PDB file of N, CA and C in Angstrom:
ATOM      1  N   MET A   1     118.710 115.087   4.469  1.00  0.00           N
ATOM      2  CA  MET A   1     120.027 115.405   4.020  1.00  0.00           C
ATOM      3  C   MET A   1     120.013 115.577   2.517  1.00  0.00           C
ATOM      4  N   GLU A   2     120.721 116.552   2.065  1.00  0.00           N
ATOM      5  CA  GLU A   2     120.630 116.818   0.649  1.00  0.00           C
ATOM      6  C   GLU A   2     121.966 116.689  -0.069  1.00  0.00           C
ATOM      7  N   ILE A   3     122.943 117.438   0.326  1.00  0.00           N
ATOM      8  CA  ILE A   3     124.192 117.475  -0.426  1.00  0.00           C
ATOM      9  C   ILE A   3     125.354 117.156   0.509  1.00  0.00           C
ATOM     10  N   THR A   4     126.236 116.293   0.054  1.00  0.00           N
ATOM     11  CA  THR A   4     127.451 116.019   0.810  1.00  0.00           C
ATOM     12  C   THR A   4     128.634 116.499  -0.017  1.00  0.00           C
ATOM     13  N   GLN A   5     129.474 117.304   0.566  1.00  0.00           N
ATOM     14  CA  GLN A   5     130.690 117.772  -0.083  1.00  0.00           C
ATOM     15  C   GLN A   5     131.864 117.251   0.723  1.00  0.00           C
ATOM     16  N   ASP A   6     133.052 117.597   0.323  1.00  0.00           N
ATOM     17  CA  ASP A   6     134.231 117.157   1.048  1.00  0.00           C
ATOM     18  C   ASP A   6     134.327 117.770   2.442  1.00  0.00           C
ATOM     19  N   LYS A   7     133.809 118.985   2.627  1.00  0.00           N
ATOM     20  CA  LYS A   7     134.023 119.694   3.879  1.00  0.00           C
ATOM     21  C   LYS A   7     132.755 120.012   4.651  1.00  0.00           C
ATOM     22  N   PHE A   8     131.598 119.789   4.050  1.00  0.00           N
ATOM     23  CA  PHE A   8     130.356 120.127   4.747  1.00  0.00           C
ATOM     24  C   PHE A   8     129.196 119.290   4.238  1.00  0.00           C
ATOM     25  N   ILE A   9     128.078 119.430   4.938  1.00  0.00           N
ATOM     26  CA  ILE A   9     126.843 118.745   4.580  1.00  0.00           C
ATOM     27  C   ILE A   9     125.691 119.715   4.841  1.00  0.00           C
ATOM     28  N   TYR A  10     124.663 119.610   4.036  1.00  0.00           N
ATOM     29  CA  TYR A  10     123.435 120.359   4.297  1.00  0.00           C
ATOM     30  C   TYR A  10     122.427 119.398   4.906  1.00  0.00           C
ATOM     31  N   VAL A  11     121.763 119.823   5.979  1.00  0.00           N
ATOM     32  CA  VAL A  11     120.704 119.023   6.597  1.00  0.00           C
ATOM     33  C   VAL A  11     119.467 119.889   6.766  1.00  0.00           C
ATOM     34  N   LYS A  12     118.316 119.252   6.746  1.00  0.00           N
ATOM     35  CA  LYS A  12     117.049 119.957   7.001  1.00  0.00           C
ATOM     36  C   LYS A  12     116.867 120.062   8.503  1.00  0.00           C
ATOM     37  N   SER A  13     116.621 121.273   8.968  1.00  0.00           N
ATOM     38  CA  SER A  13     116.362 121.512  10.384  1.00  0.00           C
ATOM     39  C   SER A  13     115.436 122.710  10.498  1.00  0.00           C
ATOM     40  N   ASP A  14     114.312 122.533  11.167  1.00  0.00           N
ATOM     41  CA  ASP A  14     113.339 123.621  11.321  1.00  0.00           C
ATOM     42  C   ASP A  14     112.995 124.278   9.984  1.00  0.00           C
ATOM     43  N   TYR A  15     112.697 123.465   8.979  1.00  0.00           N
ATOM     44  CA  TYR A  15     112.288 123.938   7.653  1.00  0.00           C
ATOM     45  C   TYR A  15     113.374 124.711   6.908  1.00  0.00           C
ATOM     46  N   ASN A  16     114.609 124.606   7.367  1.00  0.00           N
ATOM     47  CA  ASN A  16     115.731 125.266   6.704  1.00  0.00           C
ATOM     48  C   ASN A  16     116.758 124.225   6.290  1.00  0.00           C
ATOM     49  N   ASP A  17     117.529 124.543   5.269  1.00  0.00           N
ATOM     50  CA  ASP A  17     118.708 123.753   4.936  1.00  0.00           C
ATOM     51  C   ASP A  17     119.875 124.386   5.681  1.00  0.00           C
ATOM     52  N   VAL A  18     120.433 123.635   6.618  1.00  0.00           N
ATOM     53  CA  VAL A  18     121.508 124.153   7.456  1.00  0.00           C
ATOM     54  C   VAL A  18     122.829 123.534   7.010  1.00  0.00           C
ATOM     55  N   LYS A  19     123.803 124.392   6.758  1.00  0.00           N
ATOM     56  CA  LYS A  19     125.136 123.932   6.367  1.00  0.00           C
ATOM     57  C   LYS A  19     125.934 123.628   7.626  1.00  0.00           C
ATOM     58  N   ILE A  20     126.476 122.416   7.686  1.00  0.00           N
ATOM     59  CA  ILE A  20     127.305 122.012   8.826  1.00  0.00           C
ATOM     60  C   ILE A  20     128.682 121.625   8.294  1.00  0.00           C
ATOM     61  N   GLU A  21     129.676 122.333   8.754  1.00  0.00           N
ATOM     62  CA  GLU A  21     131.064 122.008   8.398  1.00  0.00           C
ATOM     63  C   GLU A  21     131.473 120.774   9.194  1.00  0.00           C
ATOM     64  N   PHE A  22     132.055 119.768   8.529  1.00  0.00           N
ATOM     65  CA  PHE A  22     132.480 118.565   9.228  1.00  0.00           C
ATOM     66  C   PHE A  22     133.460 118.883  10.358  1.00  0.00           C
ATOM     67  N   ASP A  23     134.345 119.862  10.126  1.00  0.00           N
ATOM     68  CA  ASP A  23     135.337 120.223  11.154  1.00  0.00           C
ATOM     69  C   ASP A  23     134.701 120.811  12.406  1.00  0.00           C
ATOM     70  N   ASP A  24     133.479 121.331  12.306  1.00  0.00           N
ATOM     71  CA  ASP A  24     132.806 121.929  13.462  1.00  0.00           C
ATOM     72  C   ASP A  24     132.056 120.906  14.317  1.00  0.00           C
ATOM     73  N   ILE A  25     131.890 119.698  13.809  1.00  0.00           N
ATOM     74  CA  ILE A  25     131.129 118.679  14.541  1.00  0.00           C
ATOM     75  C   ILE A  25     131.971 118.124  15.684  1.00  0.00           C
ATOM     76  N   LEU A  26     131.411 118.175  16.902  1.00  0.00           N
ATOM     77  CA  LEU A  26     132.052 117.562  18.058  1.00  0.00           C
ATOM     78  C   LEU A  26     131.647 116.095  18.153  1.00  0.00           C
ATOM     79  N   TYR A  27     130.327 115.875  18.214  1.00  0.00           N
ATOM     80  CA  TYR A  27     129.795 114.515  18.235  1.00  0.00           C
ATOM     81  C   TYR A  27     128.356 114.544  17.751  1.00  0.00           C
ATOM     82  N   ILE A  28     127.845 113.352  17.482  1.00  0.00           N
ATOM     83  CA  ILE A  28     126.504 113.201  16.930  1.00  0.00           C
ATOM     84  C   ILE A  28     125.764 112.181  17.787  1.00  0.00           C
ATOM     85  N   GLN A  29     124.544 112.513  18.135  1.00  0.00           N
ATOM     86  CA  GLN A  29     123.732 111.633  18.967  1.00  0.00           C
ATOM     87  C   GLN A  29     122.501 111.179  18.194  1.00  0.00           C
ATOM     88  N   GLY A  30     122.258 109.877  18.185  1.00  0.00           N
ATOM     89  CA  GLY A  30     121.065 109.331  17.557  1.00  0.00           C
ATOM     90  C   GLY A  30     119.906 109.323  18.533  1.00  0.00           C
ATOM     91  N   LEU A  31     118.756 109.809  18.082  1.00  0.00           N
ATOM     92  CA  LEU A  31     117.538 109.870  18.892  1.00  0.00           C
ATOM     93  C   LEU A  31     116.390 109.252  18.092  1.00  0.00           C
ATOM     94  N   LYS A  32     116.365 107.938  17.988  1.00  0.00           N
ATOM     95  CA  LYS A  32     115.367 107.212  17.187  1.00  0.00           C
ATOM     96  C   LYS A  32     115.374 107.685  15.742  1.00  0.00           C
ATOM     97  N   ASP A  33     114.375 108.467  15.340  1.00  0.00           N
ATOM     98  CA  ASP A  33     114.270 108.916  13.948  1.00  0.00           C
ATOM     99  C   ASP A  33     114.903 110.288  13.723  1.00  0.00           C
ATOM    100  N   TYR A  34     115.643 110.766  14.697  1.00  0.00           N
ATOM    101  CA  TYR A  34     116.299 112.064  14.590  1.00  0.00           C
ATOM    102  C   TYR A  34     117.766 111.930  14.959  1.00  0.00           C
ATOM    103  N   VAL A  35     118.536 112.884  14.499  1.00  0.00           N
ATOM    104  CA  VAL A  35     119.955 112.956  14.824  1.00  0.00           C
ATOM    105  C   VAL A  35     120.217 114.355  15.352  1.00  0.00           C
ATOM    106  N   LYS A  36     120.935 114.426  16.459  1.00  0.00           N
ATOM    107  CA  LYS A  36     121.314 115.710  17.045  1.00  0.00           C
ATOM    108  C   LYS A  36     122.817 115.870  16.829  1.00  0.00           C
ATOM    109  N   VAL A  37     123.168 116.872  16.023  1.00  0.00           N
ATOM    110  CA  VAL A  37     124.565 117.121  15.672  1.00  0.00           C
ATOM    111  C   VAL A  37     125.068 118.251  16.563  1.00  0.00           C
ATOM    112  N   TYR A  38     126.030 117.938  17.415  1.00  0.00           N
ATOM    113  CA  TYR A  38     126.606 118.940  18.318  1.00  0.00           C
ATOM    114  C   TYR A  38     127.773 119.601  17.612  1.00  0.00           C
ATOM    115  N   ILE A  39     127.585 120.875  17.316  1.00  0.00           N
ATOM    116  CA  ILE A  39     128.638 121.658  16.672  1.00  0.00           C
ATOM    117  C   ILE A  39     129.077 122.749  17.642  1.00  0.00           C
ATOM    118  N   THR A  40     130.060 123.504  17.236  1.00  0.00           N
ATOM    119  CA  THR A  40     130.640 124.489  18.149  1.00  0.00           C
ATOM    120  C   THR A  40     129.644 125.554  18.598  1.00  0.00           C
ATOM    121  N   GLU A  41     128.709 125.966  17.728  1.00  0.00           N
ATOM    122  CA  GLU A  41     127.777 127.030  18.107  1.00  0.00           C
ATOM    123  C   GLU A  41     126.587 126.500  18.914  1.00  0.00           C
ATOM    124  N   ARG A  42     125.840 125.562  18.320  1.00  0.00           N
ATOM    125  CA  ARG A  42     124.633 125.035  18.959  1.00  0.00           C
ATOM    126  C   ARG A  42     124.293 123.711  18.299  1.00  0.00           C
ATOM    127  N   PRO A  43     123.544 122.848  18.977  1.00  0.00           N
ATOM    128  CA  PRO A  43     123.172 121.583  18.335  1.00  0.00           C
ATOM    129  C   PRO A  43     122.141 121.795  17.223  1.00  0.00           C
ATOM    130  N   VAL A  44     122.216 120.956  16.214  1.00  0.00           N
ATOM    131  CA  VAL A  44     121.267 120.976  15.103  1.00  0.00           C
ATOM    132  C   VAL A  44     120.567 119.617  15.087  1.00  0.00           C
ATOM    133  N   ILE A  45     119.226 119.645  15.031  1.00  0.00           N
ATOM    134  CA  ILE A  45     118.455 118.403  14.995  1.00  0.00           C
ATOM    135  C   ILE A  45     117.887 118.232  13.595  1.00  0.00           C
ATOM    136  N   THR A  46     118.038 117.025  13.046  1.00  0.00           N
ATOM    137  CA  THR A  46     117.521 116.729  11.718  1.00  0.00           C
ATOM    138  C   THR A  46     116.848 115.363  11.720  1.00  0.00           C
ATOM    139  N   HIS A  47     115.929 115.184  10.806  1.00  0.00           N
ATOM    140  CA  HIS A  47     115.199 113.932  10.695  1.00  0.00           C
ATOM    141  C   HIS A  47     116.040 112.929   9.908  1.00  0.00           C
ATOM    142  N   SER A  48     116.596 111.963  10.609  1.00  0.00           N
ATOM    143  CA  SER A  48     117.419 110.907  10.019  1.00  0.00           C
ATOM    144  C   SER A  48     117.686 109.905  11.125  1.00  0.00           C
ATOM    145  N   ASN A  49     118.176 108.742  10.764  1.00  0.00           N
ATOM    146  CA  ASN A  49     118.653 107.855  11.814  1.00  0.00           C
ATOM    147  C   ASN A  49     120.177 107.870  11.789  1.00  0.00           C
ATOM    148  N   LEU A  50     120.777 107.400  12.859  1.00  0.00           N
ATOM    149  CA  LEU A  50     122.228 107.507  13.005  1.00  0.00           C
ATOM    150  C   LEU A  50     122.969 106.703  11.933  1.00  0.00           C
ATOM    151  N   LYS A  51     122.432 105.552  11.575  1.00  0.00           N
ATOM    152  CA  LYS A  51     123.092 104.716  10.578  1.00  0.00           C
ATOM    153  C   LYS A  51     123.168 105.436   9.225  1.00  0.00           C
ATOM    154  N   ASN A  52     122.067 106.028   8.781  1.00  0.00           N
ATOM    155  CA  ASN A  52     122.067 106.755   7.507  1.00  0.00           C
ATOM    156  C   ASN A  52     122.947 107.995   7.564  1.00  0.00           C
ATOM    157  N   PHE A  53     122.927 108.691   8.698  1.00  0.00           N
ATOM    158  CA  PHE A  53     123.756 109.881   8.838  1.00  0.00           C
ATOM    159  C   PHE A  53     125.237 109.505   8.796  1.00  0.00           C
ATOM    160  N   GLU A  54     125.577 108.406   9.432  1.00  0.00           N
ATOM    161  CA  GLU A  54     126.972 107.947   9.471  1.00  0.00           C
ATOM    162  C   GLU A  54     127.515 107.714   8.058  1.00  0.00           C
ATOM    163  N   LEU A  55     126.687 107.257   7.151  1.00  0.00           N
ATOM    164  CA  LEU A  55     127.115 107.011   5.768  1.00  0.00           C
ATOM    165  C   LEU A  55     127.501 108.285   5.033  1.00  0.00           C
ATOM    166  N   LYS A  56     127.023 109.420   5.498  1.00  0.00           N
ATOM    167  CA  LYS A  56     127.315 110.708   4.862  1.00  0.00           C
ATOM    168  C   LYS A  56     128.603 111.351   5.381  1.00  0.00           C
ATOM    169  N   LEU A  57     129.172 110.793   6.440  1.00  0.00           N
ATOM    170  CA  LEU A  57     130.368 111.376   7.062  1.00  0.00           C
ATOM    171  C   LEU A  57     131.632 110.922   6.346  1.00  0.00           C
ATOM    172  N   PRO A  58     132.667 111.755   6.351  1.00  0.00           N
ATOM    173  CA  PRO A  58     133.936 111.352   5.732  1.00  0.00           C
ATOM    174  C   PRO A  58     134.546 110.153   6.465  1.00  0.00           C
ATOM    175  N   VAL A  59     134.995 109.189   5.699  1.00  0.00           N
ATOM    176  CA  VAL A  59     135.591 107.970   6.258  1.00  0.00           C
ATOM    177  C   VAL A  59     136.885 108.312   6.991  1.00  0.00           C
ATOM    178  N   GLY A  60     137.061 107.734   8.164  1.00  0.00           N
ATOM    179  CA  GLY A  60     138.284 107.909   8.931  1.00  0.00           C
ATOM    180  C   GLY A  60     138.305 109.104   9.860  1.00  0.00           C
ATOM    181  N   LYS A  61     137.365 110.006   9.723  1.00  0.00           N
ATOM    182  CA  LYS A  61     137.347 111.219  10.541  1.00  0.00           C
ATOM    183  C   LYS A  61     136.445 111.059  11.767  1.00  0.00           C
ATOM    184  N   PHE A  62     135.443 110.200  11.656  1.00  0.00           N
ATOM    185  CA  PHE A  62     134.471 109.989  12.719  1.00  0.00           C
ATOM    186  C   PHE A  62     134.469 108.522  13.117  1.00  0.00           C
ATOM    187  N   PHE A  63     134.043 108.260  14.361  1.00  0.00           N
ATOM    188  CA  PHE A  63     133.991 106.877  14.833  1.00  0.00           C
ATOM    189  C   PHE A  63     132.763 106.685  15.708  1.00  0.00           C
ATOM    190  N   ARG A  64     132.048 105.621  15.464  1.00  0.00           N
ATOM    191  CA  ARG A  64     130.886 105.290  16.284  1.00  0.00           C
ATOM    192  C   ARG A  64     131.386 104.582  17.535  1.00  0.00           C
ATOM    193  N   VAL A  65     131.165 105.204  18.691  1.00  0.00           N
ATOM    194  CA  VAL A  65     131.669 104.659  19.955  1.00  0.00           C
ATOM    195  C   VAL A  65     130.612 103.883  20.731  1.00  0.00           C
ATOM    196  N   GLN A  66     129.368 104.022  20.336  1.00  0.00           N
ATOM    197  CA  GLN A  66     128.284 103.227  20.903  1.00  0.00           C
ATOM    198  C   GLN A  66     127.069 103.343  20.011  1.00  0.00           C
ATOM    199  N   LYS A  67     126.026 102.631  20.370  1.00  0.00           N
ATOM    200  CA  LYS A  67     124.819 102.570  19.544  1.00  0.00           C
ATOM    201  C   LYS A  67     124.264 103.949  19.206  1.00  0.00           C
ATOM    202  N   SER A  68     124.372 104.892  20.135  1.00  0.00           N
ATOM    203  CA  SER A  68     123.736 106.205  19.950  1.00  0.00           C
ATOM    204  C   SER A  68     124.691 107.364  19.730  1.00  0.00           C
ATOM    205  N   PHE A  69     125.996 107.121  19.659  1.00  0.00           N
ATOM    206  CA  PHE A  69     126.942 108.238  19.534  1.00  0.00           C
ATOM    207  C   PHE A  69     128.041 107.975  18.521  1.00  0.00           C
ATOM    208  N   ILE A  70     128.331 109.018  17.742  1.00  0.00           N
ATOM    209  CA  ILE A  70     129.484 109.061  16.846  1.00  0.00           C
ATOM    210  C   ILE A  70     130.300 110.279  17.267  1.00  0.00           C
ATOM    211  N   VAL A  71     131.616 110.130  17.374  1.00  0.00           N
ATOM    212  CA  VAL A  71     132.466 111.255  17.755  1.00  0.00           C
ATOM    213  C   VAL A  71     133.445 111.555  16.627  1.00  0.00           C
ATOM    214  N   GLN A  72     133.837 112.824  16.555  1.00  0.00           N
ATOM    215  CA  GLN A  72     134.911 113.192  15.634  1.00  0.00           C
ATOM    216  C   GLN A  72     136.221 112.895  16.358  1.00  0.00           C
ATOM    217  N   LEU A  73     137.057 112.090  15.749  1.00  0.00           N
ATOM    218  CA  LEU A  73     138.264 111.612  16.423  1.00  0.00           C
ATOM    219  C   LEU A  73     139.185 112.741  16.863  1.00  0.00           C
ATOM    220  N   ASN A  74     139.366 113.775  16.043  1.00  0.00           N
ATOM    221  CA  ASN A  74     140.293 114.835  16.432  1.00  0.00           C
ATOM    222  C   ASN A  74     139.690 115.822  17.439  1.00  0.00           C
ATOM    223  N   LYS A  75     138.442 115.612  17.841  1.00  0.00           N
ATOM    224  CA  LYS A  75     137.819 116.450  18.880  1.00  0.00           C
ATOM    225  C   LYS A  75     137.846 115.770  20.249  1.00  0.00           C
ATOM    226  N   ILE A  76     138.339 114.531  20.299  1.00  0.00           N
ATOM    227  CA  ILE A  76     138.436 113.823  21.579  1.00  0.00           C
ATOM    228  C   ILE A  76     139.528 114.491  22.402  1.00  0.00           C
ATOM    229  N   GLN A  77     139.142 114.962  23.593  1.00  0.00           N
ATOM    230  CA  GLN A  77     140.102 115.637  24.468  1.00  0.00           C
ATOM    231  C   GLN A  77     140.803 114.662  25.388  1.00  0.00           C
ATOM    232  N   ALA A  78     140.119 113.586  25.756  1.00  0.00           N
ATOM    233  CA  ALA A  78     140.706 112.599  26.654  1.00  0.00           C
ATOM    234  C   ALA A  78     139.935 111.291  26.541  1.00  0.00           C
ATOM    235  N   ILE A  79     140.621 110.223  26.906  1.00  0.00           N
ATOM    236  CA  ILE A  79     139.989 108.913  27.032  1.00  0.00           C
ATOM    237  C   ILE A  79     140.210 108.493  28.473  1.00  0.00           C
ATOM    238  N   HIS A  80     139.120 108.302  29.183  1.00  0.00           N
ATOM    239  CA  HIS A  80     139.181 107.943  30.598  1.00  0.00           C
ATOM    240  C   HIS A  80     138.501 106.608  30.775  1.00  0.00           C
ATOM    241  N   GLU A  81     139.309 105.578  31.067  1.00  0.00           N
ATOM    242  CA  GLU A  81     138.819 104.206  31.173  1.00  0.00           C
ATOM    243  C   GLU A  81     138.042 103.858  29.908  1.00  0.00           C
ATOM    244  N   ASN A  82     136.750 103.640  29.985  1.00  0.00           N
ATOM    245  CA  ASN A  82     135.962 103.289  28.806  1.00  0.00           C
ATOM    246  C   ASN A  82     135.034 104.420  28.380  1.00  0.00           C
ATOM    247  N   ASN A  83     135.531 105.650  28.503  1.00  0.00           N
ATOM    248  CA  ASN A  83     134.771 106.831  28.120  1.00  0.00           C
ATOM    249  C   ASN A  83     135.645 107.748  27.276  1.00  0.00           C
ATOM    250  N   VAL A  84     135.007 108.465  26.354  1.00  0.00           N
ATOM    251  CA  VAL A  84     135.713 109.527  25.635  1.00  0.00           C
ATOM    252  C   VAL A  84     135.131 110.849  26.096  1.00  0.00           C
ATOM    253  N   ILE A  85     135.981 111.844  26.180  1.00  0.00           N
ATOM    254  CA  ILE A  85     135.545 113.184  26.583  1.00  0.00           C
ATOM    255  C   ILE A  85     135.689 114.091  25.369  1.00  0.00           C
ATOM    256  N   VAL A  86     134.551 114.657  24.969  1.00  0.00           N
ATOM    257  CA  VAL A  86     134.488 115.556  23.826  1.00  0.00           C
ATOM    258  C   VAL A  86     133.742 116.795  24.293  1.00  0.00           C
ATOM    259  N   GLY A  87     134.398 117.939  24.212  1.00  0.00           N
ATOM    260  CA  GLY A  87     133.778 119.155  24.750  1.00  0.00           C
ATOM    261  C   GLY A  87     133.536 118.955  26.238  1.00  0.00           C
ATOM    262  N   ASN A  88     132.329 119.207  26.685  1.00  0.00           N
ATOM    263  CA  ASN A  88     132.017 119.000  28.109  1.00  0.00           C
ATOM    264  C   ASN A  88     131.201 117.728  28.313  1.00  0.00           C
ATOM    265  N   LYS A  89     131.237 116.816  27.336  1.00  0.00           N
ATOM    266  CA  LYS A  89     130.442 115.590  27.381  1.00  0.00           C
ATOM    267  C   LYS A  89     131.343 114.371  27.542  1.00  0.00           C
ATOM    268  N   GLU A  90     130.993 113.509  28.481  1.00  0.00           N
ATOM    269  CA  GLU A  90     131.671 112.233  28.649  1.00  0.00           C
ATOM    270  C   GLU A  90     130.767 111.155  28.068  1.00  0.00           C
ATOM    271  N   ILE A  91     131.270 110.462  27.054  1.00  0.00           N
ATOM    272  CA  ILE A  91     130.480 109.477  26.321  1.00  0.00           C
ATOM    273  C   ILE A  91     131.076 108.092  26.562  1.00  0.00           C
ATOM    274  N   PRO A  92     130.283 107.166  27.090  1.00  0.00           N
ATOM    275  CA  PRO A  92     130.797 105.813  27.306  1.00  0.00           C
ATOM    276  C   PRO A  92     131.020 105.090  25.978  1.00  0.00           C
ATOM    277  N   ILE A  93     132.084 104.304  25.926  1.00  0.00           N
ATOM    278  CA  ILE A  93     132.379 103.497  24.746  1.00  0.00           C
ATOM    279  C   ILE A  93     131.643 102.175  24.931  1.00  0.00           C
ATOM    280  N   GLY A  94     130.804 101.832  23.982  1.00  0.00           N
ATOM    281  CA  GLY A  94     130.025 100.600  24.059  1.00  0.00           C
ATOM    282  C   GLY A  94     130.898  99.367  23.941  1.00  0.00           C
ATOM    283  N   GLU A  95     130.499  98.320  24.605  1.00  0.00           N
ATOM    284  CA  GLU A  95     131.238  97.054  24.600  1.00  0.00           C
ATOM    285  C   GLU A  95     131.469  96.558  23.169  1.00  0.00           C
ATOM    286  N   ARG A  96     130.471  96.689  22.348  1.00  0.00           N
ATOM    287  CA  ARG A  96     130.536  96.229  20.957  1.00  0.00           C
ATOM    288  C   ARG A  96     131.559  97.004  20.127  1.00  0.00           C
ATOM    289  N   TYR A  97     131.849  98.237  20.500  1.00  0.00           N
ATOM    290  CA  TYR A  97     132.716  99.119  19.715  1.00  0.00           C
ATOM    291  C   TYR A  97     134.123  99.275  20.311  1.00  0.00           C
ATOM    292  N   LYS A  98     134.297  98.789  21.525  1.00  0.00           N
ATOM    293  CA  LYS A  98     135.522  99.040  22.286  1.00  0.00           C
ATOM    294  C   LYS A  98     136.793  98.563  21.588  1.00  0.00           C
ATOM    295  N   ASP A  99     136.843  97.301  21.150  1.00  0.00           N
ATOM    296  CA  ASP A  99     138.061  96.769  20.537  1.00  0.00           C
ATOM    297  C   ASP A  99     138.455  97.546  19.287  1.00  0.00           C
ATOM    298  N   ASP A 100     137.481  97.817  18.414  1.00  0.00           N
ATOM    299  CA  ASP A 100     137.776  98.570  17.191  1.00  0.00           C
ATOM    300  C   ASP A 100     138.230  99.993  17.500  1.00  0.00           C
ATOM    301  N   PHE A 101     137.601 100.605  18.509  1.00  0.00           N
ATOM    302  CA  PHE A 101     137.965 101.968  18.875  1.00  0.00           C
ATOM    303  C   PHE A 101     139.410 102.044  19.359  1.00  0.00           C
ATOM    304  N   PHE A 102     139.772 101.180  20.298  1.00  0.00           N
ATOM    305  CA  PHE A 102     141.139 101.252  20.848  1.00  0.00           C
ATOM    306  C   PHE A 102     142.171 100.836  19.802  1.00  0.00           C
ATOM    307  N   ARG A 103     141.822  99.925  18.921  1.00  0.00           N
ATOM    308  CA  ARG A 103     142.732  99.550  17.824  1.00  0.00           C
ATOM    309  C   ARG A 103     142.948 100.759  16.907  1.00  0.00           C
ATOM    310  N   ARG A 104     141.878 101.475  16.615  1.00  0.00           N
ATOM    311  CA  ARG A 104     141.966 102.684  15.766  1.00  0.00           C
ATOM    312  C   ARG A 104     142.795 103.778  16.415  1.00  0.00           C
ATOM    313  N   MET A 105     142.619 103.957  17.711  1.00  0.00           N
ATOM    314  CA  MET A 105     143.341 105.023  18.411  1.00  0.00           C
ATOM    315  C   MET A 105     144.831 104.701  18.534  1.00  0.00           C
ATOM    316  N   ARG A 106     145.192 103.437  18.526  1.00  0.00           N
ATOM    317  CA  ARG A 106     146.608 103.061  18.630  1.00  0.00           C
ATOM    318  C   ARG A 106     147.331 103.134  17.296  1.00  0.00           C
ATOM    319  N   SER A 107     146.567 103.128  16.188  1.00  0.00           N
ATOM    320  CA  SER A 107     147.228 103.115  14.872  1.00  0.00           C
ATOM    321  C   SER A 107     147.613 104.487  14.403  1.00  0.00           C
TER     322      SER A 107
END
């Protein structure tokens, strides 16, 4: 990761610096030493861990719903029991994150 701005971030992917608009991010998946960013066009994979990537995201716009997933709050289409639906993906809300998530969604 190189530059963080108010509306986008540049990440290294396939030897390129790829610009990702924060508004285009649906959700982010941690894969050990890599992060897969699901955007509207196609996923982008970059070398980072989820914790470090999370620090680069705008505060209040994204929420970590489990150990391996961060979702953009305004991209959540539905909450079904203990799952969030973003795009065509149903992501379970982790036990550790559940109370904070539902408190955030009610505020």
